[in-house]
Protein backbone atom coordinates (compact mmCIF):
# COMPACT_ATOMS: atom_id res chain seq x y z
CA MET A 1 60.27 2.14 40.15
CA ARG A 2 56.93 1.66 41.52
CA ARG A 3 56.09 4.93 39.74
CA ALA A 4 57.87 4.13 36.67
CA PHE A 5 55.83 0.57 36.26
CA LEU A 6 52.60 2.65 36.79
CA ILE A 7 53.70 4.85 34.28
CA SER A 8 54.38 2.09 32.32
CA LEU A 9 51.21 0.81 32.58
CA ILE A 10 49.11 3.86 32.33
CA ALA A 11 51.25 4.20 28.87
CA GLY A 12 50.52 0.87 27.41
CA VAL A 13 46.92 0.58 28.21
CA VAL A 14 46.72 3.95 26.24
CA VAL A 15 48.88 2.86 23.09
CA ALA A 16 46.44 -0.40 23.08
CA PHE A 17 43.53 1.63 23.33
CA SER A 18 44.71 3.81 20.35
CA ILE A 19 45.86 0.77 18.84
CA ARG A 20 42.32 -1.06 18.74
CA GLU A 21 40.48 2.55 18.34
CA TYR A 22 42.72 2.78 14.92
CA ARG A 23 42.07 -0.85 13.52
CA LEU A 24 38.21 -0.41 14.32
CA HIS A 25 38.11 2.85 12.65
CA ARG A 26 40.43 1.97 9.48
CA LYS A 27 39.82 -1.38 9.08
CA VAL A 28 38.21 -2.61 5.22
CA PRO A 29 34.08 -2.13 5.86
CA LEU A 30 31.88 -5.88 6.38
CA GLY A 31 29.79 -4.14 4.13
CA GLU A 32 26.57 -1.67 3.23
CA ALA A 33 23.46 -0.88 5.06
CA TYR A 34 20.92 1.29 5.14
CA VAL A 35 19.09 3.43 7.93
CA VAL A 36 14.95 2.51 8.33
CA SER A 37 11.95 3.67 9.86
CA ASP A 38 12.82 6.76 12.22
CA GLY A 39 16.25 7.15 11.74
CA ALA A 40 19.33 6.08 13.76
CA THR A 41 20.86 7.56 17.11
CA VAL A 42 24.89 6.77 16.54
CA TRP A 43 26.53 6.46 19.68
CA ASN A 44 30.31 6.64 20.60
CA SER A 45 30.82 3.32 22.68
CA THR A 46 28.09 0.76 23.17
CA ALA A 47 28.76 0.95 27.34
CA GLN A 48 25.33 2.27 29.44
CA ILE A 49 27.28 5.61 29.97
CA ARG A 50 27.36 6.89 26.29
CA SER A 51 27.11 10.18 24.08
CA ALA A 52 25.05 10.88 21.44
CA ILE A 53 27.48 11.61 18.04
CA ALA A 54 24.72 12.46 15.26
CA ASN A 55 21.17 11.15 14.29
CA LEU A 56 20.93 9.69 10.79
CA THR A 57 18.09 9.77 8.51
CA TYR A 58 15.92 6.87 6.77
CA GLY A 59 17.73 5.43 3.85
CA GLN A 60 20.48 7.24 4.07
CA PRO A 61 24.01 4.75 3.23
CA VAL A 62 26.33 3.84 5.98
CA GLN A 63 29.21 1.35 5.70
CA VAL A 64 29.27 -1.42 8.40
CA TYR A 65 32.64 -2.27 10.40
CA ARG A 66 32.10 -4.09 13.32
CA ARG A 67 29.21 -6.25 14.55
CA ASP A 68 28.85 -6.15 18.32
CA ALA A 69 25.62 -8.08 20.04
CA ASP A 70 22.81 -5.47 19.16
CA TYR A 71 25.24 -2.77 18.06
CA VAL A 72 27.00 -2.13 14.69
CA LEU A 73 30.14 0.11 14.11
CA VAL A 74 29.02 2.62 11.33
CA GLY A 75 30.54 5.10 9.24
CA THR A 76 29.04 7.66 6.68
CA SER A 77 30.35 9.54 3.65
CA ALA A 78 30.36 12.74 5.79
CA GLY A 79 32.68 11.02 7.68
CA VAL A 80 30.66 10.32 11.20
CA ARG A 81 31.52 6.96 12.79
CA GLY A 82 29.85 5.71 15.94
CA TRP A 83 27.65 2.71 17.18
CA VAL A 84 24.01 2.45 16.10
CA SER A 85 21.58 0.24 17.35
CA SER A 86 21.03 -3.37 14.57
CA ASP A 87 17.13 -2.62 14.23
CA SER A 88 18.25 0.59 12.56
CA LEU A 89 19.25 -1.03 10.03
CA MET A 90 18.52 -2.64 6.84
CA ASP A 91 20.75 -5.06 4.52
CA PRO A 92 21.49 -4.19 0.70
CA ASP A 93 19.05 -6.55 -0.60
CA ILE A 94 15.91 -5.51 1.27
CA TRP A 95 16.89 -1.75 0.06
CA ARG A 96 16.62 -2.79 -3.27
CA ARG A 97 13.35 -3.98 -2.83
CA VAL A 98 12.15 -0.86 -1.15
CA ALA A 99 13.18 0.99 -4.18
CA LEU A 100 11.60 -1.56 -6.21
CA LEU A 101 8.70 -1.05 -4.83
CA SER A 102 8.41 2.59 -4.70
CA GLU A 103 9.07 2.72 -8.60
CA THR A 104 6.56 0.00 -9.51
CA THR A 105 3.85 1.92 -7.46
CA LYS A 106 4.40 4.95 -9.29
CA SER A 107 2.97 3.65 -12.51
CA MET A 108 0.01 2.07 -10.49
CA GLN A 109 -3.64 3.28 -10.95
CA VAL A 110 -4.76 4.08 -7.27
CA GLN A 111 -7.79 1.87 -5.69
CA ALA A 112 -8.70 4.09 -2.90
CA VAL A 113 -7.82 6.91 -0.81
CA GLY A 114 -7.27 6.65 3.04
CA HIS A 115 -5.15 6.73 6.38
CA THR A 116 -3.21 4.82 8.61
CA ARG A 117 -5.50 4.33 11.62
CA ALA A 118 -2.57 3.90 14.33
CA ARG A 119 1.03 2.99 14.09
CA ALA A 120 1.64 0.30 11.31
CA ASN A 121 4.49 -1.10 10.18
CA ILE A 122 4.99 -1.34 6.49
CA HIS A 123 6.55 -4.54 4.62
CA THR A 124 8.18 -5.14 1.89
CA ARG A 125 6.00 -8.28 1.20
CA PRO A 126 2.34 -9.16 2.80
CA GLY A 127 3.36 -11.16 5.89
CA VAL A 128 3.58 -10.38 9.13
CA GLY A 129 6.97 -12.04 9.07
CA GLU A 130 8.31 -9.62 6.03
CA PRO A 131 11.11 -7.24 6.77
CA VAL A 132 9.98 -3.93 7.76
CA ILE A 133 10.29 -1.20 5.59
CA PHE A 134 9.47 1.76 7.90
CA GLN A 135 7.15 2.48 10.67
CA ALA A 136 4.30 4.79 9.55
CA PRO A 137 2.52 7.29 12.03
CA GLY A 138 -1.04 6.69 12.88
CA GLY A 139 -3.17 9.46 10.79
CA SER A 140 -0.86 9.24 7.53
CA PRO A 141 -2.36 9.94 4.31
CA LEU A 142 -1.80 6.65 1.98
CA VAL A 143 -3.44 5.61 -1.34
CA VAL A 144 -4.11 2.10 -1.86
CA LEU A 145 -2.61 -0.12 -4.74
CA ARG A 146 -3.47 -3.61 -4.44
CA HIS A 147 -4.75 -6.10 -1.99
CA GLY A 148 -2.73 -9.05 -0.97
CA ASN A 149 -2.13 -11.61 2.31
CA ASP A 150 0.55 -13.32 4.21
CA ASN A 151 0.59 -16.51 2.94
CA SER A 152 0.00 -15.91 -1.12
CA GLN A 153 2.46 -15.34 -3.65
CA SER A 154 0.53 -11.80 -4.85
CA SER A 155 3.15 -9.21 -5.06
CA VAL A 156 3.54 -5.78 -7.05
CA ASP A 157 4.58 -8.16 -10.71
CA SER A 158 1.56 -11.09 -10.34
CA VAL A 159 -1.72 -9.22 -9.95
CA GLU A 160 -2.98 -13.17 -10.43
CA ALA A 161 -1.88 -14.88 -7.55
CA ILE A 162 -5.17 -16.21 -5.42
CA PRO A 163 -4.47 -15.69 -1.49
CA ASP A 164 -5.96 -18.29 0.75
CA ALA A 165 -9.27 -16.90 1.93
CA THR A 166 -8.29 -17.76 5.90
CA SER A 167 -5.31 -15.38 5.71
CA LYS A 168 -5.53 -11.95 6.70
CA ASP A 169 -5.60 -9.05 4.46
CA TYR A 170 -2.78 -6.85 3.68
CA TRP A 171 -2.71 -3.53 0.79
CA LEU A 172 0.19 -2.72 -1.21
CA VAL A 173 0.45 1.10 -0.36
CA ARG A 174 1.76 4.49 -0.50
CA ALA A 175 2.20 6.06 2.34
CA ARG A 176 2.99 10.34 2.70
CA VAL A 177 5.02 10.14 6.00
CA ASN A 178 5.90 13.92 7.28
CA GLY A 179 10.09 14.85 7.16
CA VAL A 180 10.46 11.69 4.79
CA GLY A 181 7.80 11.47 1.83
CA ASP A 182 6.51 8.31 0.42
CA ILE A 183 7.08 4.91 1.10
CA SER A 184 5.97 2.28 -0.49
CA GLY A 185 4.71 -1.14 0.93
CA TRP A 186 2.26 -3.69 2.12
CA MET A 187 0.28 -2.91 5.22
CA LEU A 188 -2.62 -4.78 7.70
CA GLY A 189 -5.71 -4.81 6.45
CA ARG A 190 -7.39 -3.57 9.14
CA LEU A 191 -4.22 -0.91 10.11
CA VAL A 192 -6.04 1.07 6.84
CA ALA A 193 -8.82 3.43 7.13
CA LEU A 194 -10.73 4.46 3.76
CA ASP A 195 -11.24 8.14 3.46
CA LEU A 196 -14.55 7.94 1.42
CA PRO A 197 -15.90 10.75 -0.90
CA GLU A 198 -19.68 12.06 0.37
CA PRO A 199 -22.28 10.50 -0.44
CA LEU A 200 -20.33 7.17 -0.37
CA PRO A 201 -20.19 6.21 3.62
CA GLU A 202 -23.73 6.42 3.02
CA TYR A 203 -24.21 4.11 0.34
CA GLN A 204 -21.92 1.68 1.63
CA SER A 205 -24.28 1.53 5.19
CA SER A 206 -27.71 1.53 3.23
CA GLU A 207 -26.27 -0.97 0.93
CA ALA A 208 -24.40 -3.36 3.44
CA MET A 209 -21.72 -3.26 1.21
CA ALA A 210 -18.04 -2.78 2.16
CA ILE A 211 -16.62 -0.36 -0.36
CA VAL A 212 -12.65 -1.46 -1.27
CA ALA A 213 -12.04 0.73 -4.20
CA TRP A 214 -13.53 3.73 -5.87
CA PHE A 215 -13.40 6.57 -9.07
CA GLU A 216 -14.65 9.60 -10.15
CA ILE A 217 -15.55 7.87 -13.88
CA ASN A 218 -17.61 10.70 -15.28
CA HIS A 219 -19.18 14.02 -14.44
CA GLY A 220 -23.01 15.40 -14.26
CA LEU A 221 -24.38 19.08 -14.42
CA ASP A 222 -26.22 20.20 -11.81
CA SER A 223 -28.65 22.52 -13.01
CA SER A 224 -29.91 23.67 -9.67
CA SER A 225 -26.30 24.93 -8.80
CA GLY A 226 -24.91 24.97 -12.61
CA ARG A 227 -21.98 23.11 -11.48
CA GLU A 228 -20.43 19.36 -12.03
CA ARG A 229 -21.09 16.69 -9.71
CA PRO A 230 -18.32 13.77 -9.72
CA GLU A 231 -20.36 10.53 -10.68
CA TYR A 232 -18.73 7.32 -8.96
CA LEU A 233 -17.78 4.03 -9.66
CA VAL A 234 -17.59 1.63 -6.82
CA ALA A 235 -16.61 -1.62 -6.15
CA GLY A 236 -16.70 -3.40 -2.30
CA VAL A 237 -18.01 -6.65 -1.01
CA ARG A 238 -21.19 -7.74 0.02
CA ASP A 239 -22.36 -10.66 2.29
CA ALA A 240 -18.37 -11.33 3.01
CA ASN A 241 -19.72 -14.92 4.20
CA SER A 242 -21.40 -16.27 1.31
CA GLN A 243 -18.48 -15.05 -1.84
CA PRO A 244 -18.30 -17.00 -4.97
CA ARG A 245 -15.60 -19.71 -4.73
CA SER A 246 -14.14 -21.52 -7.43
CA GLN A 247 -14.13 -25.28 -7.43
CA THR A 248 -10.32 -25.96 -7.34
CA GLN A 249 -8.00 -25.53 -4.72
CA ALA A 250 -5.75 -23.07 -6.39
CA ASN A 251 -9.15 -20.62 -7.06
CA ALA A 252 -10.56 -21.24 -3.64
CA ALA A 253 -10.14 -17.49 -2.35
CA LYS A 254 -11.89 -14.35 -0.54
CA CYS A 255 -12.72 -12.55 -3.51
CA ASP A 256 -11.30 -8.75 -3.68
CA PHE A 257 -14.81 -7.60 -4.59
CA ASN A 258 -17.89 -9.20 -5.67
CA VAL A 259 -20.01 -5.96 -6.99
CA ILE A 260 -19.48 -2.97 -8.54
CA ARG A 261 -22.27 0.19 -8.96
CA VAL A 262 -22.08 3.45 -10.87
CA TYR A 263 -23.73 6.14 -9.03
CA THR A 264 -24.98 9.48 -11.27
CA TRP A 265 -25.97 12.19 -10.44
CA SER A 266 -29.88 12.97 -11.77
CA SER A 267 -30.10 16.77 -12.77
CA LYS A 268 -33.42 16.27 -12.91
CA ARG A 269 -34.01 14.76 -9.26
CA HIS A 270 -31.13 16.68 -7.94
CA GLN A 271 -30.00 13.74 -6.22
CA TYR A 272 -27.33 10.76 -6.77
CA GLU A 273 -28.84 7.52 -8.27
CA THR A 274 -27.51 3.88 -8.88
CA ALA A 275 -27.48 3.94 -12.84
CA PHE A 276 -25.78 0.36 -13.03
CA LEU A 277 -24.71 -2.82 -10.43
CA ASP A 278 -23.33 -5.81 -11.84
CA GLY A 279 -22.40 -8.82 -9.43
CA GLY A 280 -22.08 -12.43 -8.53
CA PHE A 281 -18.62 -12.66 -9.83
CA CYS A 282 -15.31 -12.80 -7.94
CA GLY A 283 -13.37 -9.62 -8.89
CA ARG A 284 -9.43 -9.03 -8.25
CA LEU A 285 -8.23 -5.37 -7.65
CA PRO A 286 -6.87 -3.74 -9.43
CA LEU A 287 -9.55 -1.90 -11.63
CA SER A 288 -8.51 -0.14 -14.56
CA VAL A 289 -10.55 2.75 -15.29
CA THR A 290 -10.12 5.86 -17.59
CA PRO A 291 -12.40 8.13 -16.85
CA ALA A 292 -14.66 10.65 -19.03
CA LYS A 293 -12.22 13.78 -20.29
CA THR A 294 -15.15 15.61 -20.54
CA ALA A 295 -18.90 15.43 -18.71
CA GLY A 296 -21.45 12.74 -19.84
CA GLY A 297 -18.22 11.59 -22.29
CA ASP A 298 -16.85 7.94 -22.97
CA ALA A 299 -15.14 6.18 -20.05
CA TYR A 300 -14.50 2.80 -19.37
CA PHE A 301 -13.41 -0.01 -17.05
CA SER A 302 -11.95 -3.47 -16.64
CA PHE A 303 -10.80 -6.07 -13.88
CA SER A 304 -10.00 -9.72 -13.71
CA ASN A 305 -12.87 -12.29 -12.88
CA VAL A 306 -11.45 -14.86 -11.05
CA THR A 307 -14.01 -18.59 -12.25
CA ALA A 308 -13.83 -21.60 -11.50
CA ASN A 309 -11.33 -22.82 -13.90
CA SER A 310 -9.11 -19.67 -15.09
CA ILE A 311 -8.95 -15.35 -14.70
CA GLU A 312 -11.31 -13.91 -17.10
CA SER A 313 -11.27 -10.01 -18.37
CA ARG A 314 -14.43 -7.80 -17.62
CA ALA A 315 -14.90 -4.40 -19.90
CA TYR A 316 -17.27 -1.56 -19.55
CA HIS A 317 -18.13 1.36 -21.18
CA MET A 318 -19.99 4.13 -20.20
CA LYS A 319 -21.62 7.41 -22.08
CA LEU A 320 -24.10 9.70 -20.20
CA THR A 321 -25.44 7.39 -17.32
CA THR A 322 -25.39 4.31 -19.54
CA VAL A 323 -23.50 1.49 -18.81
CA TRP A 324 -22.98 -2.22 -20.44
CA ARG A 325 -20.05 -4.84 -20.50
CA ILE A 326 -17.84 -4.85 -24.01
CA ASP A 327 -15.56 -7.69 -23.21
CA ALA A 328 -15.59 -10.97 -25.35
CA THR A 329 -17.03 -13.02 -23.44
CA ALA A 330 -20.11 -11.16 -22.78
CA ASP A 331 -23.51 -13.14 -24.18
CA LYS A 332 -26.43 -10.88 -25.41
CA ALA A 333 -27.99 -10.65 -21.77
CA GLN A 334 -24.89 -9.27 -20.78
CA ARG A 335 -24.10 -6.79 -23.31
CA ARG A 336 -27.58 -5.54 -22.65
CA ILE A 337 -27.80 -1.58 -21.77
CA HIS A 338 -28.20 -0.80 -18.36
CA ARG A 339 -29.85 2.23 -18.84
CA ALA A 340 -30.76 4.60 -15.78
CA GLY A 341 -34.36 4.84 -16.66
CA ASN A 342 -34.50 0.87 -15.74
CA THR A 343 -36.05 0.93 -11.94
CA SER A 344 -35.70 -2.89 -11.98
CA GLU A 345 -31.68 -1.73 -11.67
CA ARG A 346 -31.64 1.79 -10.43
CA ARG A 347 -31.97 2.97 -6.59
CA SER A 348 -32.50 6.71 -6.32
CA HIS A 349 -30.56 8.47 -3.29
CA THR A 350 -31.13 11.89 -1.54
């Protein structure tokens, strides 16, 4: 009698467990989710002693069947079912933001090139509290596209949003991650290290300027070697404590840059020279640049300048080693040609 009771009890437990598992695995999904960051390990249970079933990769879609504390029961299109950490999944709405960022940044002009100083979170928007898309390892190469901060309304759709001067700087970047590919999103500025081409690091130091963007805008012929030397347009910040400020609260912002320079190659002196400089404005990224198609040819660049009452556009034209303003708001003094031979506006660099 006792033996029959034990057999019945064991059989009942097995049946109950089987029914539970059947219901868990056959029930209608609660929704969809996507795997984030370094992927997710699928476990056969939530117990302390458990076995790994499979590993999911970044961006892989899964069906969500049940939530239990810090774990989620998921299934894949390949038939894998098991438990993953809830931190390894993102909601479909966030994934749509990721896809939009990825698509939008493809058409943006690169402002600078660099790498991550350390492991860095990539967010959907500027701000430490915004959802994290991915954690990029230290040393990951990246390109810089925009500037923002954690309490502004700036986004890929609004280049004229004005961040508060006390907020933390963020950069919209496209990072290259081994085994994953390109990830676009916002990264804390202090975790971004810019890889300045020679000779820009020396100029940045000697001129007390923090470079935020640069472009190969033209080329000059090096008569000694017979090869072309890149010529650079540089945007940077000088004397950050005295950056231009507007008179209204809406425009009381830290500028992305307040000085631009163009460095050209002197074939006669065999060195770089400052062919053009301009400052005293509150420039906002991005700079739009059209490099010269041939050495010494026509090149153009423009950017938005925040004034006390509005945002104006500044545009410039470069030919050979000459740069001048061409926008409608430039007066005669601003339209004057800045020639490389003008010693008051030129500095030579060896």
